[in-house]
Structure formats: structure tokens, C-alpha cells
Protein backbone atom coordinates (compact mmCIF):
# COMPACT_ATOMS: atom_id res chain seq x y z
CA MET A 1 0.25 0.31 0.20
CA VAL A 2 2.93 2.45 0.75
CA ALA A 3 4.01 1.54 -2.83
CA SER A 4 0.93 2.20 -4.69
CA ALA A 5 0.44 5.31 -2.78
CA PHE A 6 3.93 6.54 -3.97
CA ILE A 7 3.59 5.57 -7.19
CA GLY A 8 0.15 7.82 -7.06
CA SER A 9 1.86 10.47 -6.13
CA VAL A 10 4.99 10.43 -8.46
CA LEU A 11 2.22 9.95 -11.36
CA ARG A 12 0.33 13.49 -9.64
CA LEU A 13 3.77 15.52 -9.86
CA ALA A 14 4.40 14.14 -13.20
CA THR A 15 0.73 15.69 -14.55
CA PHE A 16 2.43 18.76 -13.46
CA GLY A 17 5.54 18.44 -15.05
CA LEU A 18 7.38 18.41 -11.82
CA VAL A 19 9.11 14.53 -12.24
CA ASP A 20 11.43 13.95 -15.50
CA SER A 21 11.29 11.15 -17.67
CA SER A 22 14.46 9.54 -15.34
CA SER A 23 12.07 9.32 -12.31
CA MET A 24 9.53 8.11 -14.47
CA LEU A 25 11.48 5.08 -15.48
CA CYS A 26 12.48 4.48 -11.78
CA VAL A 27 8.38 4.46 -11.17
CA GLY A 28 7.82 2.23 -14.19
CA GLY A 29 10.14 -0.19 -12.35
CA LEU A 30 8.60 -0.25 -8.65
CA PHE A 31 5.79 -0.92 -10.13
CA ALA A 32 6.78 -4.15 -11.87
CA ILE A 33 8.67 -5.23 -8.89
CA CYS A 34 5.40 -4.85 -6.70
CA ALA A 35 3.41 -6.26 -9.60
CA LEU A 36 5.86 -9.70 -9.22
CA CYS A 37 5.84 -9.97 -5.77
CA GLY A 38 1.99 -9.92 -5.97
CA LEU A 39 1.76 -12.27 -8.46
CA TYR A 40 4.11 -14.33 -6.41
CA LYS A 41 2.41 -14.05 -3.19
CA CYS A 42 -0.94 -14.74 -4.85
CA SER A 43 0.59 -18.08 -6.54
CA GLN A 44 1.31 -19.39 -2.90
CA LEU A 45 -2.27 -18.90 -1.86
CA ARG A 46 -4.61 -22.19 -2.09
CA MET A 47 -8.55 -21.20 -2.00
CA ARG A 48 -8.49 -23.78 1.09
CA ASP A 49 -6.45 -21.53 3.10
CA CYS A 50 -9.40 -18.88 3.45
CA THR A 51 -11.36 -20.74 6.32
CA CYS A 52 -15.20 -19.33 4.38
CA ILE A 53 -13.79 -20.96 1.57
CA LYS A 54 -12.60 -24.09 3.11
CA ARG A 55 -16.19 -24.53 5.33
CA MET A 56 -17.88 -24.15 2.20
CA LEU A 57 -16.21 -26.61 0.12
CA ARG A 58 -16.91 -28.98 2.95
CA SER A 59 -20.44 -28.08 3.10
CA CYS A 60 -21.15 -28.51 0.10
CA GLY A 61 -19.71 -31.72 -0.09
CA CYS A 62 -16.73 -30.82 -2.74
CA ASP A 63 -14.33 -32.08 0.21
CA GLU A 64 -15.37 -34.94 1.87
CA TYR A 65 -13.41 -34.90 4.86
CA ASP A 66 -12.21 -32.38 6.97
CA ASP A 67 -8.12 -32.40 8.22
CA PHE A 68 -6.80 -35.16 10.05
CA ASP A 69 -3.55 -36.89 11.42
CA LEU A 70 -2.79 -40.05 9.93
CA MET A 71 -0.38 -42.34 11.73
CA VAL A 72 2.07 -43.97 9.09
CA MET A 73 4.04 -47.50 10.39
CA VAL A 74 7.09 -48.11 7.66
CA HIS A 75 7.74 -51.09 7.57
CA ASP A 76 10.04 -52.37 4.73
CA ALA A 77 10.66 -52.04 1.42
CA ASN A 78 11.78 -55.09 -1.38
CA PHE A 79 13.09 -54.72 -5.14
CA THR A 80 15.05 -56.05 -7.47
CA ALA A 81 18.40 -53.90 -8.56
CA THR A 82 21.73 -54.29 -10.15
CA SER A 83 23.26 -53.20 -7.47
CA ARG A 84 22.55 -52.69 -3.34
CA LYS A 85 20.80 -49.18 -2.53
CA THR A 86 20.66 -47.49 0.48
CA THR A 87 17.24 -46.28 0.64
CA LYS A 88 14.32 -44.25 2.22
CA VAL A 89 10.57 -43.85 1.68
CA ARG A 90 9.14 -40.70 1.30
CA ILE A 91 5.17 -39.60 1.89
CA THR A 92 3.85 -36.64 0.26
CA ALA A 93 -0.25 -35.47 1.17
CA GLY A 94 -0.28 -32.30 -0.43
CA ARG A 95 1.55 -29.45 1.16
CA GLN A 96 2.66 -32.02 4.28
CA GLN A 97 5.91 -34.61 3.55
CA ILE A 98 7.40 -37.21 5.91
CA GLU A 99 10.41 -39.53 5.19
CA THR A 100 12.36 -42.33 6.90
CA ASN A 101 15.90 -42.79 7.75
CA ASP A 102 18.18 -43.79 5.03
CA ASN A 103 18.21 -47.78 5.34
CA ALA A 104 21.01 -50.41 3.20
CA LYS A 105 18.39 -53.36 4.04
CA GLY A 106 15.25 -51.50 3.36
CA ILE A 107 14.13 -52.54 6.99
CA PHE A 108 12.49 -49.22 8.40
CA GLN A 109 9.81 -50.30 11.32
CA GLU A 110 8.76 -46.37 11.57
CA PRO A 111 6.20 -44.73 12.97
CA LEU A 112 5.68 -41.63 11.09
CA GLN A 113 3.03 -38.80 11.37
CA LEU A 114 1.06 -37.01 8.40
CA ALA A 115 -0.84 -34.22 8.76
CA VAL A 116 -3.86 -34.62 5.86
CA GLU A 117 -5.16 -31.11 4.88
CA GLN A 118 -8.78 -31.20 3.63
CA GLY A 119 -9.16 -31.52 -0.32
CA THR A 120 -6.01 -33.81 0.05
CA GLN A 121 -6.64 -36.55 -3.01
CA HIS A 122 -3.86 -38.38 -2.97
CA ILE A 123 -0.74 -39.77 -0.95
CA VAL A 124 2.48 -40.18 -3.04
CA VAL A 125 4.57 -42.24 -1.67
CA ASP A 126 8.26 -42.59 -3.14
CA LEU A 127 11.03 -45.08 -2.69
CA MET A 128 13.97 -42.84 -2.92
CA GLU A 129 17.80 -43.17 -2.87
CA SER A 130 19.54 -40.23 -2.03
CA ARG A 131 17.01 -37.31 -3.87
CA THR A 132 16.12 -39.63 -6.62
CA VAL A 133 13.01 -41.57 -6.76
CA MET A 134 13.31 -44.95 -7.80
CA ALA A 135 9.99 -45.74 -7.44
CA GLN A 136 6.02 -44.58 -6.88
CA ILE A 137 2.78 -44.79 -6.23
CA LYS A 138 -0.12 -42.57 -5.70
CA ILE A 139 -2.86 -43.96 -2.84
CA ASP A 140 -6.32 -42.25 -2.57
CA VAL A 141 -7.42 -40.92 0.30
CA MET A 142 -11.23 -41.42 0.32
CA THR A 143 -11.37 -45.12 -0.92
CA GLU A 144 -8.33 -46.53 0.17
CA ILE A 145 -7.39 -44.77 3.63
CA LEU A 146 -10.65 -43.55 5.42
CA GLN A 147 -13.29 -46.27 3.66
CA GLY A 148 -10.62 -48.81 3.41
CA GLY A 149 -10.90 -49.81 6.81
CA LYS A 150 -8.10 -50.98 8.95
CA ILE A 151 -4.77 -51.32 6.67
CA ILE A 152 -2.43 -53.39 8.27
CA GLU A 153 0.96 -54.75 6.89
CA LYS A 154 -0.01 -54.02 3.59
CA GLU A 155 1.95 -54.76 0.58
CA TYR A 156 2.12 -52.27 -2.56
CA SER A 157 3.36 -52.23 -5.83
CA LEU A 158 5.04 -49.34 -6.91
CA LYS A 159 5.88 -47.91 -10.21
CA PRO A 160 9.46 -48.01 -11.35
CA LYS A 161 11.07 -44.83 -12.12
CA ILE A 162 14.39 -45.67 -12.92
CA LYS A 163 15.32 -48.34 -15.57
CA GLN A 164 17.83 -50.36 -12.86
CA LEU A 165 15.07 -51.24 -10.75
CA SER A 166 12.18 -53.76 -10.70
CA ASN A 167 9.31 -55.44 -8.65
CA PRO A 168 9.63 -52.52 -6.36
CA ARG A 169 7.13 -52.90 -3.40
CA VAL A 170 6.36 -50.86 0.40
CA LYS A 171 5.29 -52.70 3.16
CA LEU A 172 3.06 -49.88 5.14
CA SER A 173 -0.15 -49.48 7.77
CA PHE A 174 -2.14 -46.69 7.85
CA HIS A 175 -4.31 -45.60 10.83
CA ALA A 176 -6.65 -42.76 10.72
CA GLY A 177 -9.57 -41.61 12.25
CA LYS A 178 -11.37 -43.66 15.04
CA ASP A 179 -8.92 -46.28 14.56
CA ALA A 180 -5.83 -44.10 15.59
CA ASP A 181 -7.64 -43.64 19.00
CA VAL A 182 -8.09 -47.51 19.43
CA GLU A 183 -6.26 -48.35 23.01
CA LYS A 184 -5.56 -44.66 23.07
CA GLY A 185 -6.90 -44.45 26.71
CA LEU A 186 -4.79 -46.96 27.62
CA LEU A 187 -1.69 -45.59 26.19
CA SER A 188 -2.15 -42.48 27.34
CA ASP A 189 -0.89 -42.65 30.56
CA MET A 190 2.47 -44.57 30.25
CA ASN A 191 4.64 -41.36 29.27
CA LEU A 192 6.15 -43.35 26.19
CA THR A 193 7.73 -41.23 23.67
CA LYS A 194 5.87 -40.71 20.65
CA GLU A 195 7.14 -43.44 18.55
CA SER A 196 7.22 -46.18 20.99
CA ALA A 197 4.00 -45.13 21.46
CA MET A 198 2.91 -45.62 17.90
CA ILE A 199 4.80 -48.89 17.51
CA LEU A 200 2.71 -49.75 20.78
CA GLN A 201 -0.20 -48.54 19.16
CA GLN A 202 0.61 -50.49 15.95
CA SER A 203 0.86 -53.70 17.71
CA LEU A 204 -2.67 -53.43 19.48
CA LEU A 205 -4.33 -52.10 16.29
CA LYS A 206 -2.63 -55.15 14.71
CA GLY A 207 -5.23 -57.58 16.66
CA LYS A 208 -3.11 -60.95 16.74
CA ASP A 209 -4.41 -63.59 19.69
CA ARG A 210 -3.60 -61.39 22.93
CA ALA A 211 -3.87 -64.61 24.75
CA GLY A 212 -1.08 -66.09 23.43
CA PRO A 213 -0.84 -69.21 21.07
CA SER A 214 -3.17 -71.21 22.87
CA GLY A 215 -6.13 -69.28 21.33
CA ALA A 216 -8.21 -68.52 24.24
CA THR A 217 -10.63 -65.48 24.35
CA ALA A 218 -9.02 -61.93 25.03
CA GLU A 219 -10.12 -60.00 27.95
CA PRO A 220 -9.57 -56.52 28.08
CA LEU A 221 -5.68 -55.65 28.33
CA ASN A 222 -4.50 -54.01 31.24
CA PRO A 223 -0.89 -51.86 30.78
CA ALA A 224 1.26 -54.22 31.88
CA GLN A 225 -0.41 -57.25 29.12
CA ALA A 226 -0.27 -53.98 26.58
CA LEU A 227 3.07 -53.16 26.65
CA ALA A 228 4.13 -57.09 27.04
CA MET A 229 2.05 -57.14 23.44
CA GLY A 230 4.45 -54.73 22.28
CA ILE A 231 7.52 -56.03 23.15
CA LYS A 232 8.21 -58.37 20.27
CA GLY A 233 10.04 -59.00 17.03
CA ASN A 234 12.67 -60.21 15.03
CA LEU A 235 16.58 -59.81 16.73
CA GLU A 236 19.97 -60.89 16.05
CA MET A 237 21.83 -62.26 18.81
CA PHE A 238 25.39 -62.10 19.82
CA GLY A 239 26.84 -65.75 20.73
CA THR A 240 30.17 -66.75 21.79
CA LEU A 241 33.21 -66.37 19.82
CA GLY A 242 31.33 -62.87 17.80
CA THR A 243 28.53 -65.15 16.48
CA CYS A 244 25.62 -63.57 15.52
CA THR A 245 21.85 -65.59 15.02
CA LYS A 246 18.91 -64.27 13.88
CA VAL A 247 16.02 -64.91 16.69
CA TYR A 248 12.29 -64.17 17.38
CA VAL A 249 12.02 -62.35 20.96
CA ALA A 250 8.75 -61.51 22.76
CA VAL A 251 7.67 -61.47 26.10
CA SER A 252 4.37 -63.52 27.69
CA GLY A 253 2.50 -62.66 31.15
CA PRO A 254 -0.87 -63.21 32.45
CA PRO A 255 -3.48 -64.97 31.66
CA ALA A 256 -0.78 -67.37 29.57
CA THR A 257 2.01 -67.58 32.02
CA LYS A 258 1.80 -66.83 35.55
CA LYS A 259 4.91 -64.43 35.57
CA TYR A 260 5.82 -62.36 32.74
CA ILE A 261 8.80 -64.04 30.82
CA PHE A 262 11.20 -62.97 28.04
CA SER A 263 11.89 -65.38 25.79
CA VAL A 264 13.54 -66.06 22.67
CA PHE A 265 12.60 -68.15 19.77
CA ASP A 266 14.58 -70.08 16.51
CA ASP A 267 11.76 -68.00 14.60
CA GLU A 268 8.14 -66.15 14.72
CA LYS A 269 6.55 -69.62 13.52
CA SER A 270 8.10 -71.22 16.70
CA HIS A 271 6.42 -68.66 18.54
CA LEU A 272 2.75 -68.64 17.07
CA LYS A 273 3.05 -72.83 17.37
CA GLY A 274 3.71 -72.44 20.79
CA GLU A 275 7.10 -74.10 21.30
CA LYS A 276 9.35 -74.11 23.95
CA PRO A 277 11.92 -71.24 23.37
CA LYS A 278 15.55 -71.67 23.61
CA LEU A 279 15.86 -68.99 26.37
CA GLU A 280 13.44 -67.66 28.83
CA VAL A 281 14.55 -65.20 31.56
CA GLU A 282 11.83 -64.06 34.01
CA LEU A 283 11.28 -59.95 33.69
CA MET A 284 11.92 -59.83 37.45
CA LYS A 285 15.01 -61.06 37.25
CA ILE A 286 16.33 -58.51 34.87
CA LEU A 287 19.19 -55.79 36.16
CA SER A 288 18.77 -53.87 33.47
CA VAL A 289 18.34 -52.86 29.38
CA GLN A 290 20.40 -50.22 28.06
CA GLU A 291 21.91 -49.33 24.09
CA ASP A 292 25.59 -49.88 23.64
CA PRO A 293 27.05 -47.03 23.59
CA GLY A 294 29.34 -48.08 20.71
CA ARG A 295 27.21 -49.26 18.42
CA PRO A 296 23.62 -47.44 17.95
CA ASP A 297 21.73 -50.62 16.59
CA VAL A 298 22.66 -52.82 19.56
CA PHE A 299 20.82 -53.04 23.13
CA LEU A 300 21.56 -55.22 26.17
CA VAL A 301 20.12 -57.43 28.55
CA ASN A 302 21.96 -57.76 31.93
CA TYR A 303 20.25 -60.25 34.21
CA VAL A 304 20.95 -62.94 36.81
CA ASP A 305 19.88 -66.75 35.96
CA SER A 306 18.40 -69.56 38.07
CA ARG A 307 21.87 -69.66 39.88
CA LYS A 308 22.57 -66.24 40.56
CA ASN A 309 24.95 -65.15 38.64
CA ARG A 310 24.78 -62.42 36.62
CA GLU A 311 24.71 -62.70 32.84
CA ARG A 312 24.23 -60.66 29.96
CA LEU A 313 22.19 -61.01 26.61
CA SER A 314 23.07 -58.52 23.06
CA PHE A 315 20.74 -58.61 20.76
CA ARG A 316 21.07 -56.33 17.05
CA ARG A 317 18.17 -54.23 16.13
CA LEU A 318 16.54 -55.82 12.57
CA ASP A 319 12.86 -54.70 12.94
CA LEU A 320 11.70 -51.81 15.86
CA PRO A 321 14.19 -49.01 17.12
CA THR A 322 16.89 -50.24 19.40
CA ALA A 323 15.33 -46.62 21.85
CA THR A 324 11.99 -48.64 21.32
CA TRP A 325 13.00 -52.05 22.61
CA VAL A 326 14.74 -50.68 25.46
CA GLU A 327 12.00 -48.34 26.42
CA LEU A 328 9.32 -51.06 26.74
CA ILE A 329 10.97 -53.53 28.40
CA THR A 330 12.11 -51.11 30.82
CA LYS A 331 8.76 -49.57 31.23
CA LEU A 332 7.09 -52.93 31.68
CA ILE A 333 9.56 -53.84 34.05
CA ARG A 334 9.31 -51.03 36.27
CA LEU A 335 5.30 -51.28 36.26
CA ILE A 336 5.37 -54.66 37.27
CA ARG A 337 7.68 -53.86 40.26
CA GLU A 338 5.50 -51.13 40.95
CA GLU A 339 2.25 -53.51 40.95
CA ARG A 340 4.03 -56.02 43.12
CA GLU A 341 5.24 -53.24 45.69
CA ALA A 342 1.26 -51.98 45.79
CA SER A 343 0.21 -55.34 46.10
CA ASP A 344 2.67 -55.61 49.25
CA ARG A 345 1.24 -52.89 51.17
CA LYS A 346 -2.10 -53.77 50.93
CA LYS A 347 -1.75 -57.64 51.77
CA ALA A 348 0.43 -56.00 54.57
CA SER A 349 -2.51 -53.07 55.74
CA ALA A 350 -5.26 -56.50 55.78
CA GLY A 351 -3.08 -57.86 58.07
CA LYS A 352 -2.97 -55.55 60.53
């Protein structure tokens, strides 16, 4: 507005011959700059940035949904390529964009939060190497996500964008609307980090047999049972002489077992079949769980065995992030101890 007033004043002076031609050229240049700035500003605006227009489009049915938050779990990506590539997954919804960390094995297991704005028609999923888009897929927001029900560990086939790549696939889970609030009350008092809370919520939403391999009907979960349900996944366990074996780890507890047990199986199938684990550690015998300072993808479990000897287990992450393993196990041990102490106090009070 200041520039417009200045230009108007110069033009009035020019009318009376008080401004020469060189000044008029300067004014013309200034006017052109202002016009370009105005056009650029308008180009950055969207109709839905105006609240009134946004409400009108929603009321008349042109837009089928309001803004919402979408929880995305990026599990893994697979493809065939002429050479091994370090990849990441980028997800875009309109002006909003999120991405995983780089991973040479294509195993991410990363929870991400995406804000989906009203009027966004597609979510674009890109499989990338550095800044290069290797493969892509567009997912319809309304039909696939909001109306399609639960999307848990669904494998999507992507369209290759480079010649050196074939059969690209990415495994994703989406939770929106009511699905995203499942077990929310149960998790709200656990004070977990955002990443761990989303991973635990993913385990609960997955809806696998809560009572374990026995197939018994599940009762409502208490906080300890919910935490135990989230502590499971593939790991690499270090043995003697530097050996490293792929294993499956899970925590079982009431009502399937009397106590909470940290169990190591050969694989997930052995766990689901109810086979005897290769190693069991009672959770209350675990002294500490910590990340290895020198190896960010490794965590250590220090415990006391049946002979009261101190032992240590070393694991390398494959599925869940290292920090999530540490947080969930530590939180569950603390919760069990608090419940036991509360029970002991109650018994002591009743005995008086």
C-alpha cells in the first residue's frame, strides 16, 4: 500500500511537469517489482487457506473430509536392482511431507505422523535413493484410507521410475480417524515417547491373538499386558566367539503364564506354534536394559540366572528401533515392580 501511494504521488507530480522522464522510469521499475511480488504471493495461496472457502467446500460436499492426522508405519521395502542401494521412503500429502531414515537393508519399522489437509486427493509414496525417486505409487485418501478400513502391513507394488529397478514393493500400515484412537486411553498414562507409543499402538491395532498361541478369548488388556504385547520382533543375538544368530523375541505374561517371561525363539513360527523357547528369562530377574554406547543398533540385557550368576544378552535390532526395545522393556519391568509393591502394601495393611 505504501508503494501504491508513492507511485500515485509521482504520477500526480508528473502531470504538472514536476518529475522528469528518468524518475518515471524508476517508478515504472518499482511498479513492475511490486506487481511481480503480488503475483508470487498469490501463487502461494490456496483456496482452502481461506477459512470461509474451506468451510463452504466442506459444507457443499466438494471436500469429503476435514483435516486429520494419519499414523503411518513404514515396515520395509523390497526390490530387485543391479546393485545394492541405501533407500528411504518419502510420503507426501499435498504440502505435507515426511520420510524415514536411510537404510541399506530396506528394513525401516518407523512410525511417522502425517497431517492430511482437507481437499488432498492422493498420498504419494516414493521409494528413494538419496534425492532420486526410484519408484512411486499414489494412494487415494478417501477410498483406500478413510473408507477402506484397517490397513495393517499391506504390501503395495510401486511403479519403477528408473531402469535399473524392478518389482519394487513397500509394506505400510495406515491408521486414521477412529482407528487411530484405538487403545488411546490405555496408552495415555504410560508416558512413552511418541515413537514407542505409535509402535505399541500398531501392535494393539494389529489384532493378533492377545492370549498367545493357546487361542483363548482375549480379556480387556491392562497396561502391563499392553506393554508385553508390543515387545516382540526379530533380532540378531550375539553368541560366543562373535557369532550372530537371527532370533525372535517375545514377552509372555498373564493369563498365558503366571509371571512375565522374556523368551527367545528360533523364529516367529516357533513362537506362534507355542514351541519351547531356546532361552527364557523372568522379567523380574532383569537388572537393566540399555543401548550399547559404541553400537547404536545394539542393546544389552543384564540379568541374574537361576544360579544367581550375572549374565548378559546382546541383541542387534532388525525390526523395532533400538530405543523402543529399551524403553518398552524397561517400562514394563518398572510397572510390574510397582504393581507388586502395591500388592504387598495391600496385604500388609490387611494383616494388621
